[in-house]
Every structure is written in C-alpha cells, then in structure tokens.
Amino acid sequence: MTSALRPADPTEAAPRPGRWLALSVLVLAVLLVAVDATVLGLATPYISEDLRPSGTQLLWIGDVYSFVIAGLLVSMGSLGDRIGRKRVLLVGATAFGAISVLNAYASTPELMILARALLGVAGATLMPATLALIRNLFHDPRERSLAVGIWGATASAGTAVGPIVGGFLLEHFWWGSVFLINLPVMAVLVVVGVKFLPESKSAHPGPWDMTSVALSLVGMIGVVYAVKEAATHGFSWPTLGAGVLGAAALYWFIRRQLTLPTPLLDMRLFRNRGFSGAVLADLLTIFGLAGLVFFLSQFLQLVQGRGPLEAGLAELPAAVGAVVAGLLAGRAARRFSVRSVVSGGLAAIGLALAVLTTLDRSTGYPLLGAALLVVGVGAGLSFTVTADVILSSVPKDQAGSASAVSETAYELGAALGIAVLGSIVTAAYRGFPSPPGTPESAHESLGAATEAASTLPPSKAEALLTAAQTAFTHGLTLAATAGAATLLTTATAAWYLLRTQHLEESPPKSTS
C-alpha cells in the first residue's frame, strides 16, 4: 500500500498488506535467473556443434556469466540500497530480457562469450534486490522464513522447468530458442512489478563509490580468471599477473570499505559468526556441485544417448527434492537447530556425490535419479536456512549488501566450481587415445568428438566415440570425488561455525 519503507516507522512489526502478492513478483525474477542457468547446460552440445568453440571457449561460455555477476553483485546490491531496490530490479529485468536476444542469435564463440558477460551485468541486479525486498516486506521472522523458503523453492523449480522447457525447445527449434523463453517471464515481471512492488532503500544511503565498484569487479574477475587458467593450462606469467592484480584489487577494496563513511560493503557484517559461517557454507557447497552439474547434462545426452527433453526430465528429482525441502527448512531449523539442518543437508549432498563416483556409460537411471533426489533435498535444506540466517543477521538498511554477499558466494562458488572441477573433467578427457585420422578438435570437447565421428568410417567412428565417452565419464567421476570431499568437509565446518546460531522467533505480541 505504501510506496516506501521507513526504518523508523513504529508500526514496522505490523504485517504489510499485499506482501504475498509482491512476493509472487519477486519469485518471477528468481525463476528468470534459474531457468537461464539450467538451459545453458542442455544447449551446450548444440552450441558446441554450431559455433565450434575450443574447450577453453566452451568453459568461458559456461562460466563468464558467473565471473561477471560475482564481480558486480556487491556493487548492484549497494546500488539498490541507495537508489531503490524496486527500481534496480525492474531495470535489470528489462535488460536481462533484451540481452537474452543477443545470446539467442550469437553467431561466433566470441560473441556468445560477450553476450553471456553482458547477461551477467544484468543478472547482478536481480538476486540481491529480490532477497533485500523480502527482508523489508516480511517483518515477522516465521513469515520471512516461509518467504525465503518460497524464494528458494522457486529457484529450484526453475531448475526443473528450465531443462524440461529447454529440452522441448531443443527438440523442435534451434538452440537459441532456449534463451528467448526469458522474454515472457521478464515482461510479466516488469508489468506486474511496476504496480505491486513497494519501493525500499536505505534511509541514509551515502554516495555510490565508483572506485569501490571498479576494485570489486577487477579483483573478483582477476582472481577467478587466474584460478581457472591455472587449473586448465597450469601456471604462467600472465596467469600469475592476473591473480596478483585481482588479489591486490580485493585487498584495496577491503581497505577502502573500512575507511569510507558509507561503504559499498560494511565489512563489520563478517564479525557475525552466523553470517560468515552461512556465506562460507554457500560458497563451498556450490563449488562442490557446480562443475559436476554443468557436465551432467552432457553425460546424459552425449554418453547415455538421451534426447534433450529426456535429459531435462532425468534431472527433475533434484529440483523436486529442493522445492519440498526448502519449504520445510525453516520449520526444521526451529525444531532441531540451524547447524543440524545445514550440516545434515550438506552431508547428504556429499554422500550423494560419492555415489555418483560409480557412474559409467551403462549406469541405470534408478541410481542416478535417487542420488539427484538426495542432492536436491540436501541443497533445499541448507541453502534456505543459510539465506534466512544471512538476512536476519543484518539491519534492514543493509539488506541489499547482505543479500549481495550471499549471492556473490553462490556465483563465485559456481564460477570456481566450473573452472576447477570442469578443468578436471577437461584434463581427464583430452588425453584419450583416438584412432588414426581423428581431427585434433575431437580432443577439445565431447561435443566436438561427436561431430568428428560423423565424418569418419563406421569402425573408426565407433572407436572414437567409445574412447571419448569413457574419458569424459572418468573425468566426471573425478569431479564427483572432489565434490564429495568438499561437501563432507563443509558439513563438518558448518557444524562448528553455526553451533550457536538460531533463527528468530516471532514476538509474542505480533499481530496477524
């Protein structure tokens, strides 16, 4: 009903009229990002066949979005705190839809990488704004927990809708169509959001420090690029230079935040043990999952021979588990404890990844489906509770910055996971023995090997495909091993870091 939130409002504890309708608009933005993230994996074999990227270019297509979004999330979250989260969300959603068209019609690997980078700029505006608006819409802790659960469940539902819709489109249209599905979602979000979303921003925003924005972007991209290149090609002077430049920029960024009267990111947030523990858990969890998930769609299609729609349906149990667990996570954390729910969820993911180390070309779907269901349940429990912990640990005026830190951990973990674990898959794949006459490009990616096989005699084609699929699967199991070790270690760390953390309870005098 009101158009802005006032921190000093004495009726702050009263429920905001229309808050659930506003939440429905926010989850559309979450759906937009989740669908885009999942369809890329399904479309990768088709992009590889059409644009013929090298193995390195294919990794860049997969992770440049995360690199850019990780570098800009804190800046965009802070911008929303200053000029209005609704405004940033709606502008970002409009840009996200427009740039999706550029992704759909990219004609070269270089243009595709550029389009993904620009999409990262737009995407950086969406997730911090949605979580920050939830923090300001829902004052009752139990309602906020449910709202965060719905927010997380929608993201998980997007991971289910994306592969199914994307698989259908890939079987009937060209690969660019999977990006165009962003347009109707964006249109609904903007039209409905203009009318129903309340504006909110910090009461004392201060200036938006462009030097800090540049340092954050350069630092994050420099460090992640160095990790990616070192994991893929080993250390070199350019790689070392990028890493040093990135580390220096991040150090300067932190020092600058400690001296500014109104910093982009209040570093004192990290003094809160629950906040720091939740952020670290998110980062390491996504790191352990991202590389495996990025290559799983290729395994289902190019190794096990499933169509894109069947591959999308095969990944459905993970999303179903995450939706159900996300809606129940807040209640479970209050009944048991934050650390038991988060640690238990992370341990479940780690054990499921350990099961996936047994994958081979003939693995039946019951084992794979069961493992993905457990991954989804574990992720739904842990991510929902850590998001609630992060939001409830900060004042409303800093909701955008805190949400941005949460999403930065998520995106940075995704970028590093694809870079490091993806590089494990790539390194294991490239050395496979191939029949005489095999094009060198076949060693760049499994998609390239599949394309090369179509030009060879039947006997050589079969030998090439068998060797390439075996090498790819071996790399995938190595990545699953690394992911399982990471998740089990993170579960142990979360048990100690979150041992005193509890979710807020509703005050006794709270009105309904």
Protein backbone atom coordinates (compact mmCIF):
# COMPACT_ATOMS: atom_id res chain seq x y z
CA MET A 1 0.00 0.00 0.00
CA THR A 2 2.81 2.41 0.88
CA SER A 3 5.39 3.25 -1.72
CA ALA A 4 8.46 3.27 0.53
CA LEU A 5 9.74 1.70 3.71
CA ARG A 6 10.70 3.89 6.65
CA PRO A 7 13.20 2.37 9.09
CA ALA A 8 11.82 4.44 11.93
CA ASP A 9 8.19 3.50 11.38
CA PRO A 10 6.72 2.50 14.76
CA THR A 11 4.29 0.12 13.05
CA GLU A 12 7.13 -1.81 11.41
CA ALA A 13 6.16 -5.03 13.16
CA ALA A 14 2.69 -4.97 11.56
CA PRO A 15 2.30 -7.21 8.51
CA ARG A 16 2.49 -5.31 5.23
CA PRO A 17 -0.69 -5.57 3.14
CA GLY A 18 -0.08 -7.18 -0.24
CA ARG A 19 3.23 -8.70 0.80
CA TRP A 20 2.41 -12.15 -0.59
CA LEU A 21 1.36 -10.70 -3.94
CA ALA A 22 4.61 -8.73 -4.01
CA LEU A 23 6.49 -11.95 -3.24
CA SER A 24 4.92 -13.59 -6.29
CA VAL A 25 6.51 -10.86 -8.43
CA LEU A 26 9.90 -11.34 -6.79
CA VAL A 27 9.93 -15.07 -7.43
CA LEU A 28 9.43 -14.38 -11.14
CA ALA A 29 12.87 -12.74 -11.13
CA VAL A 30 14.30 -15.78 -9.38
CA LEU A 31 12.63 -18.02 -11.94
CA LEU A 32 14.13 -15.91 -14.73
CA VAL A 33 17.69 -16.45 -13.48
CA ALA A 34 17.23 -20.12 -12.58
CA VAL A 35 15.77 -21.08 -15.94
CA ASP A 36 18.58 -19.31 -17.79
CA ALA A 37 21.24 -21.04 -15.72
CA THR A 38 19.85 -24.53 -16.34
CA VAL A 39 19.09 -24.34 -20.04
CA LEU A 40 22.70 -23.50 -20.87
CA GLY A 41 23.85 -26.96 -19.82
CA LEU A 42 21.32 -28.63 -22.11
CA ALA A 43 22.13 -26.32 -25.00
CA THR A 44 25.90 -26.75 -24.69
CA PRO A 45 26.18 -29.74 -27.09
CA TYR A 46 24.21 -27.81 -29.73
CA ILE A 47 26.21 -24.62 -29.19
CA SER A 48 29.40 -26.68 -29.46
CA GLU A 49 28.25 -28.25 -32.72
CA ASP A 50 27.10 -24.97 -34.27
CA LEU A 51 29.68 -22.44 -33.07
CA ARG A 52 32.60 -24.92 -32.78
CA PRO A 53 34.22 -23.35 -29.69
CA SER A 54 37.51 -24.70 -28.35
CA GLY A 55 37.49 -26.43 -24.98
CA THR A 56 38.64 -23.22 -23.30
CA GLN A 57 36.00 -21.16 -25.09
CA LEU A 58 33.34 -23.66 -24.02
CA LEU A 59 34.38 -23.22 -20.39
CA TRP A 60 34.24 -19.44 -20.83
CA ILE A 61 30.73 -19.70 -22.25
CA GLY A 62 29.81 -21.69 -19.17
CA ASP A 63 31.42 -19.53 -16.52
CA VAL A 64 31.87 -15.94 -17.77
CA TYR A 65 28.30 -15.14 -16.63
CA SER A 66 29.22 -16.20 -13.11
CA PHE A 67 32.53 -14.31 -13.23
CA VAL A 68 30.86 -11.02 -14.13
CA ILE A 69 27.89 -11.42 -11.85
CA ALA A 70 30.17 -12.29 -8.92
CA GLY A 71 32.21 -9.16 -9.56
CA LEU A 72 29.17 -6.88 -9.66
CA LEU A 73 26.75 -8.31 -7.10
CA VAL A 74 28.05 -6.31 -4.14
CA SER A 75 28.03 -3.12 -6.22
CA MET A 76 24.49 -3.72 -7.50
CA GLY A 77 23.21 -4.69 -4.06
CA SER A 78 24.65 -1.48 -2.66
CA LEU A 79 23.17 0.48 -5.58
CA GLY A 80 19.72 -0.89 -4.71
CA ASP A 81 20.19 0.18 -1.09
CA ARG A 82 20.92 3.68 -2.36
CA ILE A 83 18.53 4.40 -5.24
CA GLY A 84 15.79 1.84 -4.58
CA ARG A 85 15.65 -1.95 -4.86
CA LYS A 86 12.47 -1.95 -6.92
CA ARG A 87 13.99 0.42 -9.46
CA VAL A 88 17.16 -1.65 -9.80
CA LEU A 89 15.16 -4.87 -10.08
CA LEU A 90 12.87 -3.62 -12.85
CA VAL A 91 15.67 -2.03 -14.89
CA GLY A 92 17.77 -5.17 -14.51
CA ALA A 93 14.90 -7.44 -15.55
CA THR A 94 14.29 -5.38 -18.69
CA ALA A 95 17.99 -5.51 -19.60
CA PHE A 96 18.12 -9.25 -18.85
CA GLY A 97 15.35 -9.92 -21.34
CA ALA A 98 16.88 -7.72 -24.05
CA ILE A 99 20.35 -9.27 -23.72
CA SER A 100 18.83 -12.76 -23.85
CA VAL A 101 18.03 -11.98 -27.50
CA LEU A 102 21.73 -11.32 -28.13
CA ASN A 103 22.53 -14.70 -26.56
CA ALA A 104 19.99 -16.41 -28.78
CA TYR A 105 21.43 -15.01 -32.01
CA ALA A 106 25.17 -15.19 -31.21
CA SER A 107 26.97 -16.42 -34.32
CA THR A 108 30.53 -16.95 -33.02
CA PRO A 109 32.06 -18.25 -29.77
CA GLU A 110 33.46 -14.78 -29.07
CA LEU A 111 30.05 -13.14 -29.46
CA MET A 112 28.48 -15.80 -27.26
CA ILE A 113 31.03 -15.15 -24.52
CA LEU A 114 30.37 -11.40 -24.77
CA ALA A 115 26.60 -11.97 -24.62
CA ARG A 116 26.96 -14.14 -21.51
CA ALA A 117 29.14 -11.45 -19.89
CA LEU A 118 26.55 -8.74 -20.58
CA LEU A 119 23.86 -11.02 -19.21
CA GLY A 120 25.93 -11.24 -16.04
CA VAL A 121 25.81 -7.45 -15.70
CA ALA A 122 22.01 -7.52 -15.89
CA GLY A 123 21.74 -10.61 -13.70
CA ALA A 124 23.75 -8.93 -10.93
CA THR A 125 20.83 -6.57 -10.34
CA LEU A 126 18.19 -9.25 -9.80
CA MET A 127 19.04 -11.64 -6.96
CA PRO A 128 20.23 -9.11 -4.31
CA ALA A 129 17.15 -6.97 -4.96
CA THR A 130 14.74 -9.88 -4.51
CA LEU A 131 16.21 -11.03 -1.19
CA ALA A 132 16.53 -7.46 0.10
CA LEU A 133 12.89 -6.75 -0.72
CA ILE A 134 11.86 -9.93 1.11
CA ARG A 135 13.78 -8.68 4.16
CA ASN A 136 11.82 -5.43 4.02
CA LEU A 137 8.43 -6.95 3.15
CA PHE A 138 8.31 -9.59 5.90
CA HIS A 139 8.95 -8.37 9.43
CA ASP A 140 7.68 -11.48 11.21
CA PRO A 141 10.58 -14.00 11.41
CA ARG A 142 8.41 -17.06 10.73
CA GLU A 143 6.74 -15.40 7.76
CA ARG A 144 10.14 -14.34 6.48
CA SER A 145 11.42 -17.92 6.79
CA LEU A 146 8.47 -19.15 4.74
CA ALA A 147 9.02 -16.37 2.18
CA VAL A 148 12.69 -17.27 1.87
CA GLY A 149 11.66 -20.91 1.50
CA ILE A 150 9.30 -20.00 -1.33
CA TRP A 151 12.06 -17.88 -2.89
CA GLY A 152 14.46 -20.82 -2.76
CA ALA A 153 11.81 -23.31 -3.88
CA THR A 154 11.10 -21.15 -6.93
CA ALA A 155 14.78 -21.17 -7.84
CA SER A 156 14.72 -24.95 -7.54
CA ALA A 157 11.50 -25.15 -9.56
CA GLY A 158 13.27 -23.09 -12.21
CA THR A 159 16.00 -25.70 -12.39
CA ALA A 160 13.25 -28.22 -13.15
CA VAL A 161 11.23 -26.08 -15.54
CA GLY A 162 14.34 -24.93 -17.40
CA PRO A 163 15.57 -28.35 -18.57
CA ILE A 164 12.07 -29.58 -19.44
CA VAL A 165 11.06 -26.49 -21.40
CA GLY A 166 14.56 -26.18 -22.80
CA GLY A 167 14.60 -29.84 -23.80
CA PHE A 168 11.29 -29.45 -25.61
CA LEU A 169 12.56 -26.37 -27.45
CA LEU A 170 15.84 -28.04 -28.41
CA GLU A 171 13.98 -30.97 -29.92
CA HIS A 172 11.79 -28.69 -32.05
CA PHE A 173 13.76 -25.47 -32.61
CA TRP A 174 17.34 -24.20 -32.77
CA TRP A 175 19.43 -23.77 -29.62
CA GLY A 176 18.90 -20.00 -29.43
CA SER A 177 15.24 -20.57 -28.57
CA VAL A 178 16.18 -21.59 -25.01
CA PHE A 179 17.26 -18.02 -24.29
CA LEU A 180 14.13 -16.45 -25.75
CA ILE A 181 11.96 -18.06 -23.03
CA ASN A 182 13.28 -15.31 -20.75
CA LEU A 183 11.25 -12.70 -22.62
CA PRO A 184 7.67 -13.56 -21.48
CA VAL A 185 8.82 -14.00 -17.88
CA MET A 186 10.57 -10.63 -17.98
CA ALA A 187 7.51 -8.95 -19.48
CA VAL A 188 5.20 -10.24 -16.74
CA LEU A 189 7.71 -9.31 -14.03
CA VAL A 190 8.04 -5.72 -15.22
CA VAL A 191 4.34 -5.08 -15.86
CA VAL A 192 3.16 -6.57 -12.57
CA GLY A 193 6.16 -5.34 -10.57
CA VAL A 194 5.57 -1.69 -11.51
CA LYS A 195 2.14 -1.87 -9.89
CA PHE A 196 2.57 -4.16 -6.89
CA LEU A 197 6.17 -3.99 -5.66
CA PRO A 198 6.85 -1.46 -2.89
CA GLU A 199 9.99 0.63 -3.16
CA SER A 200 12.57 0.39 -0.39
CA LYS A 201 16.02 1.83 0.16
CA SER A 202 18.38 2.93 2.90
CA ALA A 203 17.35 5.99 4.90
CA HIS A 204 20.96 7.30 4.82
CA PRO A 205 22.43 5.86 1.63
CA GLY A 206 25.52 7.98 1.04
CA PRO A 207 27.30 8.16 -2.33
CA TRP A 208 27.90 5.15 -4.61
CA ASP A 209 31.70 4.88 -4.69
CA MET A 210 32.77 4.12 -8.27
CA THR A 211 36.33 3.34 -7.19
CA SER A 212 34.99 0.54 -4.99
CA VAL A 213 32.83 -0.72 -7.86
CA ALA A 214 35.88 -0.94 -10.14
CA LEU A 215 38.02 -2.60 -7.47
CA SER A 216 35.34 -5.21 -6.77
CA LEU A 217 34.95 -6.06 -10.45
CA VAL A 218 38.67 -6.17 -11.25
CA GLY A 219 39.50 -8.09 -8.09
CA MET A 220 36.87 -10.79 -8.47
CA ILE A 221 37.44 -11.37 -12.18
CA GLY A 222 41.24 -11.31 -11.80
CA VAL A 223 41.33 -13.91 -9.04
CA VAL A 224 38.77 -16.23 -10.60
CA TYR A 225 40.40 -15.95 -14.03
CA ALA A 226 43.77 -16.89 -12.53
CA VAL A 227 42.30 -19.93 -10.79
CA LYS A 228 40.56 -21.02 -13.99
CA GLU A 229 43.64 -20.63 -16.20
CA ALA A 230 45.95 -22.30 -13.69
CA ALA A 231 43.57 -25.25 -13.38
CA THR A 232 43.25 -25.56 -17.16
CA HIS A 233 46.72 -24.78 -18.51
CA GLY A 234 48.99 -24.61 -15.48
CA PHE A 235 50.79 -21.57 -14.12
CA SER A 236 52.17 -18.93 -16.46
CA TRP A 237 53.31 -15.34 -16.07
CA PRO A 238 50.05 -13.87 -17.47
CA THR A 239 48.02 -16.11 -15.16
CA LEU A 240 50.14 -15.15 -12.17
CA GLY A 241 49.86 -11.48 -13.12
CA ALA A 242 46.06 -11.68 -13.30
CA GLY A 243 45.93 -13.38 -9.90
CA VAL A 244 48.21 -10.81 -8.26
CA LEU A 245 46.27 -7.93 -9.81
CA GLY A 246 42.96 -9.42 -8.63
CA ALA A 247 44.24 -10.08 -5.11
CA ALA A 248 45.66 -6.56 -4.86
CA ALA A 249 42.38 -5.04 -6.06
CA LEU A 250 40.38 -7.05 -3.50
CA TYR A 251 42.80 -6.05 -0.72
CA TRP A 252 42.45 -2.39 -1.74
CA PHE A 253 38.65 -2.83 -1.89
CA ILE A 254 38.54 -4.18 1.68
CA ARG A 255 40.84 -1.42 2.98
CA ARG A 256 38.74 1.21 1.27
CA GLN A 257 35.48 -0.14 2.75
CA LEU A 258 36.99 0.16 6.23
CA THR A 259 37.69 3.86 5.72
CA LEU A 260 34.59 5.05 3.85
CA PRO A 261 31.79 6.59 5.98
CA THR A 262 29.18 4.79 3.82
CA PRO A 263 30.95 1.81 2.22
CA LEU A 264 29.58 -0.35 -0.57
CA LEU A 265 30.01 -3.31 1.79
CA ASP A 266 30.15 -2.95 5.56
CA MET A 267 32.98 -5.33 6.48
CA ARG A 268 31.70 -5.45 10.06
CA LEU A 269 29.00 -7.82 8.84
CA PHE A 270 31.62 -10.57 8.80
CA ARG A 271 32.17 -10.22 12.56
CA ASN A 272 28.83 -12.02 12.96
CA ARG A 273 29.75 -15.71 13.23
CA GLY A 274 26.45 -16.90 11.80
CA PHE A 275 26.68 -14.55 8.82
CA SER A 276 30.25 -15.59 7.98
CA GLY A 277 29.54 -19.29 8.51
CA ALA A 278 26.47 -19.22 6.28
CA VAL A 279 28.32 -17.37 3.49
CA LEU A 280 31.25 -19.81 3.62
CA ALA A 281 28.91 -22.80 3.58
CA ASP A 282 27.12 -21.46 0.48
CA LEU A 283 30.36 -20.80 -1.38
CA LEU A 284 31.91 -24.22 -0.74
CA THR A 285 28.66 -26.07 -1.40
CA ILE A 286 28.17 -24.51 -4.81
CA PHE A 287 31.85 -25.05 -5.56
CA GLY A 288 31.42 -28.77 -4.93
CA LEU A 289 28.26 -29.00 -7.04
CA ALA A 290 28.69 -26.60 -9.95
CA GLY A 291 31.31 -28.34 -12.05
CA LEU A 292 29.52 -31.67 -11.81
CA VAL A 293 26.10 -30.22 -12.63
CA PHE A 294 27.49 -28.30 -15.63
CA PHE A 295 28.77 -31.53 -17.22
CA LEU A 296 25.94 -33.84 -16.14
CA SER A 297 23.64 -32.76 -18.96
CA GLN A 298 26.39 -33.58 -21.45
CA PHE A 299 26.81 -37.02 -19.85
CA LEU A 300 23.09 -37.74 -20.14
CA GLN A 301 22.93 -36.66 -23.78
CA LEU A 302 26.31 -37.44 -25.33
CA VAL A 303 27.28 -40.50 -23.28
CA GLN A 304 23.98 -42.17 -22.47
CA GLY A 305 22.28 -41.05 -25.68
CA ARG A 306 19.23 -39.31 -24.18
CA GLY A 307 17.40 -36.59 -26.05
CA PRO A 308 17.42 -33.08 -24.55
CA LEU A 309 13.87 -33.40 -23.20
CA GLU A 310 14.61 -36.79 -21.64
CA ALA A 311 17.81 -35.39 -20.15
CA GLY A 312 15.84 -32.50 -18.65
CA LEU A 313 13.30 -34.88 -17.13
CA ALA A 314 16.13 -37.04 -15.78
CA GLU A 315 17.35 -34.11 -13.68
CA LEU A 316 13.87 -33.41 -12.27
CA PRO A 317 14.30 -35.30 -8.92
CA ALA A 318 16.91 -32.78 -7.76
CA ALA A 319 14.53 -29.87 -8.24
CA VAL A 320 11.58 -31.70 -6.65
CA GLY A 321 13.65 -32.55 -3.59
CA ALA A 322 14.89 -28.98 -3.28
CA VAL A 323 11.39 -27.48 -3.54
CA VAL A 324 9.93 -29.72 -0.84
CA ALA A 325 12.92 -29.39 1.49
CA GLY A 326 13.11 -25.62 1.00
CA LEU A 327 9.51 -25.12 2.13
CA LEU A 328 10.12 -27.21 5.28
CA ALA A 329 13.63 -25.99 6.10
CA GLY A 330 12.70 -23.06 8.37
CA ARG A 331 10.38 -25.20 10.49
CA ALA A 332 13.01 -27.94 10.73
CA ALA A 333 15.71 -25.48 11.81
CA ARG A 334 13.49 -24.16 14.61
CA ARG A 335 12.50 -27.62 15.79
CA PHE A 336 16.03 -29.05 15.75
CA SER A 337 18.79 -26.47 15.17
CA VAL A 338 20.32 -24.41 12.41
CA ARG A 339 23.56 -26.32 12.44
CA SER A 340 21.93 -29.76 12.36
CA VAL A 341 19.77 -28.86 9.33
CA VAL A 342 22.58 -27.14 7.40
CA SER A 343 25.24 -29.75 8.24
CA GLY A 344 22.84 -32.61 7.63
CA GLY A 345 21.86 -31.20 4.25
CA LEU A 346 25.47 -30.72 3.20
CA ALA A 347 26.45 -34.21 4.34
CA ALA A 348 23.55 -35.67 2.33
CA ILE A 349 24.80 -33.90 -0.80
CA GLY A 350 28.33 -35.15 -0.16
CA LEU A 351 27.18 -38.76 0.19
CA ALA A 352 25.06 -38.49 -2.97
CA LEU A 353 28.08 -37.18 -4.89
CA ALA A 354 30.11 -40.07 -3.53
CA VAL A 355 27.53 -42.42 -5.07
CA LEU A 356 27.93 -40.64 -8.41
CA THR A 357 31.64 -41.59 -8.47
CA THR A 358 30.43 -45.02 -9.62
CA LEU A 359 28.92 -43.63 -12.84
CA ASP A 360 29.72 -45.30 -16.14
CA ARG A 361 28.10 -45.41 -19.56
CA SER A 362 25.75 -48.24 -18.53
CA THR A 363 24.63 -46.81 -15.15
CA GLY A 364 20.88 -47.24 -14.78
CA TYR A 365 18.58 -44.34 -14.03
CA PRO A 366 17.29 -45.56 -10.61
CA LEU A 367 20.73 -44.99 -9.06
CA LEU A 368 21.23 -41.65 -10.79
CA GLY A 369 17.70 -40.43 -10.01
CA ALA A 370 17.97 -41.40 -6.34
CA ALA A 371 21.30 -39.60 -5.99
CA LEU A 372 19.88 -36.45 -7.62
CA LEU A 373 16.87 -36.54 -5.28
CA VAL A 374 19.16 -36.62 -2.25
CA VAL A 375 21.23 -33.77 -3.70
CA GLY A 376 18.05 -31.71 -4.08
CA VAL A 377 16.82 -32.38 -0.55
CA GLY A 378 20.20 -31.51 0.94
CA ALA A 379 20.50 -28.32 -1.10
CA GLY A 380 16.95 -27.22 -0.27
CA LEU A 381 17.58 -27.59 3.46
CA SER A 382 20.99 -25.95 3.60
CA PHE A 383 20.54 -23.05 1.17
CA THR A 384 17.17 -21.97 2.57
CA VAL A 385 18.40 -21.88 6.16
CA THR A 386 21.68 -20.11 5.32
CA ALA A 387 19.76 -17.45 3.34
CA ASP A 388 17.47 -16.91 6.34
CA VAL A 389 20.48 -16.65 8.67
CA ILE A 390 22.16 -14.08 6.41
CA LEU A 391 19.03 -11.91 6.09
CA SER A 392 18.21 -11.99 9.81
CA SER A 393 21.80 -11.09 10.78
CA VAL A 394 21.75 -7.56 9.37
CA PRO A 395 19.71 -4.34 9.73
CA LYS A 396 17.08 -3.62 7.08
CA ASP A 397 19.13 -0.75 5.62
CA GLN A 398 21.92 -3.20 4.75
CA ALA A 399 19.67 -5.89 3.33
CA GLY A 400 20.86 -5.27 -0.22
CA SER A 401 24.53 -5.53 0.67
CA ALA A 402 24.00 -8.66 2.77
CA SER A 403 21.94 -10.30 0.04
CA ALA A 404 24.65 -9.41 -2.45
CA VAL A 405 27.30 -11.10 -0.29
CA SER A 406 25.12 -14.22 -0.17
CA GLU A 407 24.68 -14.24 -3.94
CA THR A 408 28.34 -13.41 -4.52
CA ALA A 409 29.28 -16.53 -2.56
CA TYR A 410 26.86 -18.52 -4.70
CA GLU A 411 28.11 -17.14 -8.02
CA LEU A 412 31.78 -17.22 -7.05
CA GLY A 413 31.38 -20.82 -5.94
CA ALA A 414 29.70 -21.62 -9.26
CA ALA A 415 32.44 -19.96 -11.28
CA LEU A 416 35.24 -21.63 -9.33
CA GLY A 417 33.44 -24.97 -9.41
CA ILE A 418 33.04 -24.88 -13.18
CA ALA A 419 36.62 -23.67 -13.58
CA VAL A 420 38.35 -26.10 -11.22
CA LEU A 421 36.12 -29.19 -11.36
CA GLY A 422 35.37 -28.53 -15.02
CA SER A 423 39.07 -28.38 -15.69
CA ILE A 424 39.45 -31.76 -14.02
CA VAL A 425 36.91 -33.17 -16.46
CA THR A 426 38.61 -31.45 -19.41
CA ALA A 427 42.11 -32.60 -18.40
CA ALA A 428 40.97 -36.20 -17.97
CA TYR A 429 39.17 -36.06 -21.31
CA ARG A 430 41.84 -34.55 -23.55
CA GLY A 431 44.34 -37.38 -23.24
CA PHE A 432 42.16 -40.22 -24.53
CA PRO A 433 43.65 -42.45 -27.26
CA SER A 434 41.97 -41.87 -30.61
CA PRO A 435 42.03 -43.78 -33.93
CA PRO A 436 44.38 -42.59 -36.70
CA GLY A 437 42.87 -39.81 -38.76
CA THR A 438 40.88 -38.32 -35.88
CA PRO A 439 40.71 -34.49 -36.11
CA GLU A 440 42.59 -32.70 -33.37
CA SER A 441 39.39 -30.84 -32.47
CA ALA A 442 37.91 -34.10 -31.12
CA HIS A 443 40.13 -33.72 -28.06
CA GLU A 444 38.71 -30.28 -27.24
CA SER A 445 35.26 -31.41 -26.07
CA LEU A 446 32.91 -34.39 -26.18
CA GLY A 447 30.61 -32.43 -28.48
CA ALA A 448 33.49 -31.93 -30.91
CA ALA A 449 34.31 -35.64 -30.78
CA THR A 450 30.71 -36.50 -31.58
CA GLU A 451 30.82 -34.14 -34.54
CA ALA A 452 34.16 -35.55 -35.72
CA ALA A 453 32.85 -39.11 -35.52
CA SER A 454 30.18 -38.28 -38.09
CA THR A 455 32.92 -37.71 -40.69
CA LEU A 456 34.79 -40.99 -40.06
CA PRO A 457 34.17 -44.53 -41.33
CA PRO A 458 31.81 -46.52 -39.04
CA SER A 459 34.52 -48.62 -37.36
CA LYS A 460 36.72 -45.61 -36.58
CA ALA A 461 33.69 -43.54 -35.53
CA GLU A 462 32.64 -46.16 -33.00
CA ALA A 463 36.16 -46.46 -31.61
CA LEU A 464 36.44 -42.67 -31.30
CA LEU A 465 33.08 -42.30 -29.54
CA THR A 466 33.80 -45.15 -27.14
CA ALA A 467 37.18 -43.73 -26.17
CA ALA A 468 35.87 -40.17 -25.86
CA GLN A 469 32.83 -41.17 -23.80
CA THR A 470 34.93 -43.32 -21.48
CA ALA A 471 37.43 -40.50 -20.92
CA PHE A 472 34.65 -37.97 -20.31
CA THR A 473 32.93 -40.25 -17.80
CA HIS A 474 36.23 -40.82 -16.00
CA GLY A 475 36.68 -37.06 -15.69
CA LEU A 476 33.13 -36.72 -14.40
CA THR A 477 33.73 -39.29 -11.66
CA LEU A 478 36.93 -37.50 -10.64
CA ALA A 479 34.94 -34.26 -10.35
CA ALA A 480 32.29 -36.07 -8.29
CA THR A 481 35.04 -37.34 -5.97
CA ALA A 482 36.38 -33.82 -5.45
CA GLY A 483 32.83 -32.52 -4.94
CA ALA A 484 32.01 -35.19 -2.37
CA ALA A 485 35.16 -34.42 -0.38
CA THR A 486 34.38 -30.69 -0.48
CA LEU A 487 30.78 -31.15 0.71
CA LEU A 488 31.63 -33.51 3.55
CA THR A 489 34.36 -31.14 4.74
CA THR A 490 31.95 -28.19 4.52
CA ALA A 491 29.33 -30.12 6.53
CA THR A 492 31.87 -30.59 9.32
CA ALA A 493 32.89 -26.92 9.24
CA ALA A 494 29.25 -25.76 9.31
CA TRP A 495 28.57 -27.91 12.39
CA TYR A 496 31.15 -25.87 14.31
CA LEU A 497 30.65 -22.42 12.74
CA LEU A 498 26.85 -22.44 13.22
CA ARG A 499 26.76 -24.09 16.65
CA THR A 500 25.32 -21.01 18.43
CA GLN A 501 23.09 -19.86 15.57
CA HIS A 502 19.27 -19.83 15.89
CA LEU A 503 16.54 -18.48 13.67
CA GLU A 504 14.49 -15.59 15.04
CA GLU A 505 11.16 -16.32 16.66
CA SER A 506 8.03 -14.22 16.25
CA PRO A 507 7.49 -11.78 19.13
CA PRO A 508 4.55 -12.73 21.43
CA LYS A 509 2.67 -9.50 20.63
CA SER A 510 2.98 -9.91 16.86
CA THR A 511 -0.32 -9.25 15.07
CA SER A 512 -1.62 -11.38 12.24
